[in-house]
Every structure is written in C-alpha cells, then in structure tokens.
C-alpha cells in the first residue's frame, strides 16, 4: 500500500503547521487531529490538506 505525505492545516487560522505520512485511504475521509497551533497559541483541530 502506498503512503503519501499530507499537510495538516489549522481549522481556525488556516496555517499549515504539520506534515504526516499517511496511507492511501479507500473511503476518501481526511485525517483530523487535535494539535498545538503556534499561531493561535492553543490546541485546535487540524485537518489533512492536499
């Protein structure tokens, strides 16, 4: 199974703070993780972008 590199963007300010290696998902759902955003200075939801 192939892996790709995905950027994680903050849902509050929109900045792309993290990148993560993810496997190809057959269902099309995107990764969502609570991470610390250094621009918002708090933990926010980060979603996978292309």
PDB file of N, CA and C in Angstrom:
ATOM      1  N   UNK A   1       0.846  -1.170   0.000  1.00  0.00           N
ATOM      2  CA  UNK A   1       0.000   0.000   0.000  1.00  0.00           C
ATOM      3  C   UNK A   1       0.897   1.241   0.000  1.00  0.00           C
ATOM      4  N   UNK A   2       0.582   2.197  -0.823  1.00  0.00           N
ATOM      5  CA  UNK A   2       1.400   3.391  -0.969  1.00  0.00           C
ATOM      6  C   UNK A   2       1.104   4.389   0.143  1.00  0.00           C
ATOM      7  N   UNK A   3       2.139   5.113   0.547  1.00  0.00           N
ATOM      8  CA  UNK A   3       1.953   6.184   1.516  1.00  0.00           C
ATOM      9  C   UNK A   3       2.224   7.513   0.840  1.00  0.00           C
ATOM     10  N   UNK A   4       1.562   8.535   1.312  1.00  0.00           N
ATOM     11  CA  UNK A   4       1.773   9.869   0.770  1.00  0.00           C
ATOM     12  C   UNK A   4       2.002  10.825   1.934  1.00  0.00           C
ATOM     13  N   UNK A   5       2.534  11.984   1.637  1.00  0.00           N
ATOM     14  CA  UNK A   5       2.789  12.988   2.648  1.00  0.00           C
ATOM     15  C   UNK A   5       1.667  14.006   2.599  1.00  0.00           C
ATOM     16  N   UNK A   6       1.005  14.234   3.732  1.00  0.00           N
ATOM     17  CA  UNK A   6      -0.118  15.152   3.787  1.00  0.00           C
ATOM     18  C   UNK A   6       0.205  16.279   4.761  1.00  0.00           C
ATOM     19  N   UNK A   7      -0.212  17.489   4.420  1.00  0.00           N
ATOM     20  CA  UNK A   7      -0.052  18.633   5.299  1.00  0.00           C
ATOM     21  C   UNK A   7      -1.281  18.734   6.192  1.00  0.00           C
ATOM     22  N   UNK A   8      -1.064  19.127   7.441  1.00  0.00           N
ATOM     23  CA  UNK A   8      -2.168  19.326   8.373  1.00  0.00           C
ATOM     24  C   UNK A   8      -2.341  20.821   8.598  1.00  0.00           C
ATOM     25  N   UNK A   9      -3.531  21.342   8.309  1.00  0.00           N
ATOM     26  CA  UNK A   9      -3.811  22.766   8.425  1.00  0.00           C
ATOM     27  C   UNK A   9      -4.748  23.015   9.602  1.00  0.00           C
ATOM     28  N   UNK A  10      -4.477  24.098  10.315  1.00  0.00           N
ATOM     29  CA  UNK A  10      -5.309  24.525  11.440  1.00  0.00           C
ATOM     30  C   UNK A  10      -6.662  24.981  10.906  1.00  0.00           C
ATOM     31  N   UNK A  11      -7.748  24.569  11.560  1.00  0.00           N
ATOM     32  CA  UNK A  11      -9.080  24.954  11.108  1.00  0.00           C
ATOM     33  C   UNK A  11      -9.433  26.374  11.534  1.00  0.00           C
ATOM     34  N   UNK A  12      -8.726  26.941  12.512  1.00  0.00           N
ATOM     35  CA  UNK A  12      -9.024  28.288  12.995  1.00  0.00           C
ATOM     36  C   UNK A  12      -8.332  29.340  12.131  1.00  0.00           C
ATOM     37  N   UNK A  13      -6.999  29.237  11.997  1.00  0.00           N
ATOM     38  CA  UNK A  13      -6.256  30.275  11.269  1.00  0.00           C
ATOM     39  C   UNK A  13      -5.861  29.844   9.857  1.00  0.00           C
ATOM     40  N   UNK A  14      -5.912  28.549   9.552  1.00  0.00           N
ATOM     41  CA  UNK A  14      -5.623  28.071   8.208  1.00  0.00           C
ATOM     42  C   UNK A  14      -4.164  27.812   7.906  1.00  0.00           C
ATOM     43  N   UNK A  15      -3.266  28.010   8.864  1.00  0.00           N
ATOM     44  CA  UNK A  15      -1.844  27.789   8.610  1.00  0.00           C
ATOM     45  C   UNK A  15      -1.527  26.295   8.593  1.00  0.00           C
ATOM     46  N   UNK A  16      -0.603  25.915   7.734  1.00  0.00           N
ATOM     47  CA  UNK A  16      -0.188  24.515   7.615  1.00  0.00           C
ATOM     48  C   UNK A  16       1.028  24.302   8.502  1.00  0.00           C
ATOM     49  N   UNK A  17       0.802  23.699   9.667  1.00  0.00           N
ATOM     50  CA  UNK A  17       1.837  23.585  10.683  1.00  0.00           C
ATOM     51  C   UNK A  17       2.561  22.257  10.675  1.00  0.00           C
ATOM     52  N   UNK A  18       1.914  21.192  10.271  1.00  0.00           N
ATOM     53  CA  UNK A  18       2.473  19.858  10.387  1.00  0.00           C
ATOM     54  C   UNK A  18       2.370  19.108   9.065  1.00  0.00           C
ATOM     55  N   UNK A  19       3.250  18.123   8.890  1.00  0.00           N
ATOM     56  CA  UNK A  19       3.129  17.190   7.781  1.00  0.00           C
ATOM     57  C   UNK A  19       3.250  15.784   8.350  1.00  0.00           C
ATOM     58  N   UNK A  20       2.537  14.849   7.736  1.00  0.00           N
ATOM     59  CA  UNK A  20       2.475  13.489   8.255  1.00  0.00           C
ATOM     60  C   UNK A  20       2.385  12.517   7.091  1.00  0.00           C
ATOM     61  N   UNK A  21       3.048  11.390   7.206  1.00  0.00           N
ATOM     62  CA  UNK A  21       2.957  10.339   6.201  1.00  0.00           C
ATOM     63  C   UNK A  21       1.694   9.526   6.483  1.00  0.00           C
ATOM     64  N   UNK A  22       0.806   9.465   5.502  1.00  0.00           N
ATOM     65  CA  UNK A  22      -0.455   8.746   5.657  1.00  0.00           C
ATOM     66  C   UNK A  22      -0.606   7.754   4.518  1.00  0.00           C
ATOM     67  N   UNK A  23      -1.312   6.669   4.785  1.00  0.00           N
ATOM     68  CA  UNK A  23      -1.558   5.679   3.744  1.00  0.00           C
ATOM     69  C   UNK A  23      -2.765   6.112   2.917  1.00  0.00           C
ATOM     70  N   UNK A  24      -2.842   5.607   1.704  1.00  0.00           N
ATOM     71  CA  UNK A  24      -3.973   5.921   0.829  1.00  0.00           C
ATOM     72  C   UNK A  24      -5.235   5.328   1.436  1.00  0.00           C
ATOM     73  N   UNK A  25      -6.243   6.165   1.611  1.00  0.00           N
ATOM     74  CA  UNK A  25      -7.492   5.720   2.218  1.00  0.00           C
ATOM     75  C   UNK A  25      -8.527   5.473   1.119  1.00  0.00           C
ATOM     76  N   UNK A  26      -9.158   4.310   1.128  1.00  0.00           N
ATOM     77  CA  UNK A  26     -10.130   3.957   0.100  1.00  0.00           C
ATOM     78  C   UNK A  26     -11.464   4.673   0.299  1.00  0.00           C
ATOM     79  N   UNK A  27     -11.735   5.123   1.512  1.00  0.00           N
ATOM     80  CA  UNK A  27     -13.018   5.740   1.808  1.00  0.00           C
ATOM     81  C   UNK A  27     -13.033   7.235   1.532  1.00  0.00           C
ATOM     82  N   UNK A  28     -11.889   7.844   1.326  1.00  0.00           N
ATOM     83  CA  UNK A  28     -11.834   9.257   0.990  1.00  0.00           C
ATOM     84  C   UNK A  28     -11.918  10.198   2.178  1.00  0.00           C
ATOM     85  N   UNK A  29     -11.970   9.666   3.395  1.00  0.00           N
ATOM     86  CA  UNK A  29     -12.046  10.545   4.561  1.00  0.00           C
ATOM     87  C   UNK A  29     -10.668  11.124   4.864  1.00  0.00           C
ATOM     88  N   UNK A  30     -10.653  12.354   5.367  1.00  0.00           N
ATOM     89  CA  UNK A  30      -9.404  13.035   5.655  1.00  0.00           C
ATOM     90  C   UNK A  30      -9.075  12.941   7.144  1.00  0.00           C
ATOM     91  N   UNK A  31      -7.790  12.970   7.432  1.00  0.00           N
ATOM     92  CA  UNK A  31      -7.298  12.859   8.793  1.00  0.00           C
ATOM     93  C   UNK A  31      -7.624  14.123   9.575  1.00  0.00           C
ATOM     94  N   UNK A  32      -8.093  13.972  10.827  1.00  0.00           N
ATOM     95  CA  UNK A  32      -8.376  15.092  11.712  1.00  0.00           C
ATOM     96  C   UNK A  32      -7.756  14.802  13.067  1.00  0.00           C
ATOM     97  N   UNK A  33      -6.876  15.715  13.533  1.00  0.00           N
ATOM     98  CA  UNK A  33      -6.155  15.524  14.787  1.00  0.00           C
ATOM     99  C   UNK A  33      -6.147  16.841  15.557  1.00  0.00           C
ATOM    100  N   UNK A  34      -6.277  16.771  16.877  1.00  0.00           N
ATOM    101  CA  UNK A  34      -6.081  17.948  17.715  1.00  0.00           C
ATOM    102  C   UNK A  34      -4.589  18.125  17.952  1.00  0.00           C
ATOM    103  N   UNK A  35      -4.031  19.239  17.459  1.00  0.00           N
ATOM    104  CA  UNK A  35      -2.612  19.543  17.597  1.00  0.00           C
ATOM    105  C   UNK A  35      -2.459  20.966  18.106  1.00  0.00           C
ATOM    106  N   UNK A  36      -1.251  21.297  18.580  1.00  0.00           N
ATOM    107  CA  UNK A  36      -0.973  22.648  19.046  1.00  0.00           C
ATOM    108  C   UNK A  36      -0.632  23.542  17.862  1.00  0.00           C
ATOM    109  N   UNK A  37      -1.306  24.667  17.745  1.00  0.00           N
ATOM    110  CA  UNK A  37      -1.027  25.648  16.700  1.00  0.00           C
ATOM    111  C   UNK A  37      -0.219  26.779  17.320  1.00  0.00           C
ATOM    112  N   UNK A  38       0.977  27.019  16.796  1.00  0.00           N
ATOM    113  CA  UNK A  38       1.844  28.053  17.371  1.00  0.00           C
ATOM    114  C   UNK A  38       1.360  29.455  17.036  1.00  0.00           C
ATOM    115  N   UNK A  39       0.515  29.599  16.023  1.00  0.00           N
ATOM    116  CA  UNK A  39      -0.013  30.910  15.664  1.00  0.00           C
ATOM    117  C   UNK A  39      -1.244  31.267  16.507  1.00  0.00           C
ATOM    118  N   UNK A  40      -2.095  30.289  16.799  1.00  0.00           N
ATOM    119  CA  UNK A  40      -3.252  30.503  17.666  1.00  0.00           C
ATOM    120  C   UNK A  40      -2.876  30.395  19.144  1.00  0.00           C
ATOM    121  N   UNK A  41      -1.740  29.751  19.424  1.00  0.00           N
ATOM    122  CA  UNK A  41      -1.214  29.545  20.780  1.00  0.00           C
ATOM    123  C   UNK A  41      -2.153  28.689  21.635  1.00  0.00           C
ATOM    124  N   UNK A  42      -2.803  27.693  20.994  1.00  0.00           N
ATOM    125  CA  UNK A  42      -3.661  26.764  21.719  1.00  0.00           C
ATOM    126  C   UNK A  42      -3.853  25.504  20.877  1.00  0.00           C
ATOM    127  N   UNK A  43      -4.448  24.480  21.479  1.00  0.00           N
ATOM    128  CA  UNK A  43      -4.743  23.246  20.769  1.00  0.00           C
ATOM    129  C   UNK A  43      -5.998  23.434  19.932  1.00  0.00           C
ATOM    130  N   UNK A  44      -5.892  23.156  18.638  1.00  0.00           N
ATOM    131  CA  UNK A  44      -7.019  23.289  17.727  1.00  0.00           C
ATOM    132  C   UNK A  44      -7.092  22.045  16.842  1.00  0.00           C
ATOM    133  N   UNK A  45      -8.204  21.898  16.158  1.00  0.00           N
ATOM    134  CA  UNK A  45      -8.378  20.787  15.228  1.00  0.00           C
ATOM    135  C   UNK A  45      -7.598  21.074  13.952  1.00  0.00           C
ATOM    136  N   UNK A  46      -6.797  20.118  13.523  1.00  0.00           N
ATOM    137  CA  UNK A  46      -6.045  20.213  12.281  1.00  0.00           C
ATOM    138  C   UNK A  46      -6.562  19.165  11.320  1.00  0.00           C
ATOM    139  N   UNK A  47      -6.844  19.576  10.082  1.00  0.00           N
ATOM    140  CA  UNK A  47      -7.352  18.667   9.060  1.00  0.00           C
ATOM    141  C   UNK A  47      -6.334  18.477   7.961  1.00  0.00           C
ATOM    142  N   UNK A  48      -6.386  17.310   7.346  1.00  0.00           N
ATOM    143  CA  UNK A  48      -5.483  16.982   6.236  1.00  0.00           C
ATOM    144  C   UNK A  48      -5.840  17.809   5.000  1.00  0.00           C
ATOM    145  N   UNK A  49      -4.813  18.384   4.375  1.00  0.00           N
ATOM    146  CA  UNK A  49      -4.993  19.102   3.119  1.00  0.00           C
ATOM    147  C   UNK A  49      -4.213  18.388   2.037  1.00  0.00           C
ATOM    148  N   UNK A  50      -4.391  18.794   0.797  1.00  0.00           N
ATOM    149  CA  UNK A  50      -3.687  18.167  -0.309  1.00  0.00           C
ATOM    150  C   UNK A  50      -2.304  18.737  -0.460  1.00  0.00           C
TER     151      UNK A  50
END
